[in-house]
């Protein structure tokens, strides 16, 4: 099941004109405030009627100005999760969840209360009142209620924005499970690069109502031309990895396409798939294989792009195996090393620079 849309809409402060597809998995709508993210998701939900265009869900037009189709929200069969849980305070968690089933088609199979509760880790909360839940627990219940309506697609508008960092860390693993264990496509609005890097399988980068870039998360996030939109301090790369060993000195060994990485011990079994986000500012570029260096992570790479910035820095994109890495260095260093596409280099990464929040399941 997938979604495709091509819409235009005039907003008070910008003109929206977007076209992209949402495949299975989590597609993140990312961009600065006012770029059109919430406008797009509201158009998909039916809360906003675009001026022109079409939205096709699983081959069915749910909006098409040429065909004069504009299904009301309740007929689109979409689950919408907002920034706040919007739970009914007078109902228990179980009754909030069962409320979602009232809107589920009775002639179609779907998840049970038990399976959804287990997936989201809320089985022990069923008899609790919403007022006694943490922010992360409320959001998990809201997601469960949406799932039990048997939606064809989930819409999430910055579901973690109102949570503090501990609560975000609490809910992220459950969103990863949702991504990996269900076939429902998810359109996910966020302004957090770290969130997008950890969760998204594909990314649509918006700015001023237009799509700047869309595609697999690994490609979009490691594209040097998108660094300005992502923010220099947040620019980086996402690597798929497999855990190969846990060592007695507290390090976990991972295999990536370009070689081996050692990171602080991860609480996951050998053989598990994971993804690692490495910031551009945490990579040193070496022209030859470094020796007698404290850094354990050294990946051979080939320079693919040298992107000058407006200041004294440049962004270097390198290919290591099938992955792309970004490094932010000074223009002076790039000129001294004569870095240009095709140059063979080594990417040096500190193990301690990779935060636990930058490691997710795959």
Foldseek 3Di string as FASTA:
>chain_A
DKKWWFAWADDPVFIATETDMFAAFEEEEEFDPQQCQVVVLCCLQLVDPTPAIWMAFPNRTCDHVVVPHHHHNLVQQEQEAEQFLPFDQVDFLQVSQVVLLVSAPPVDDADDPVVLCVLQVCPVRRRPGPVPDDRLNSRSSSVSSSRNNVGLAYEYANNCPVDDPVSCVVRLQSLQSVRVVDRHTYYYYDHDLLSCLFGGQKYFYTGRNYTPDIDGPQVVLQDQVCCVRNDLQSRKGKWKWFFADADPVQWTWIATQQGIDIAGDDPDDGGFIKMFTDHQAQKDKALDDDDPDPFPDKGKWFWADWADDPDQKIWTWTDRRNGIIIHIDGPVVCVVSVHDGGRIIMITGHNHRGDPSRMHGD
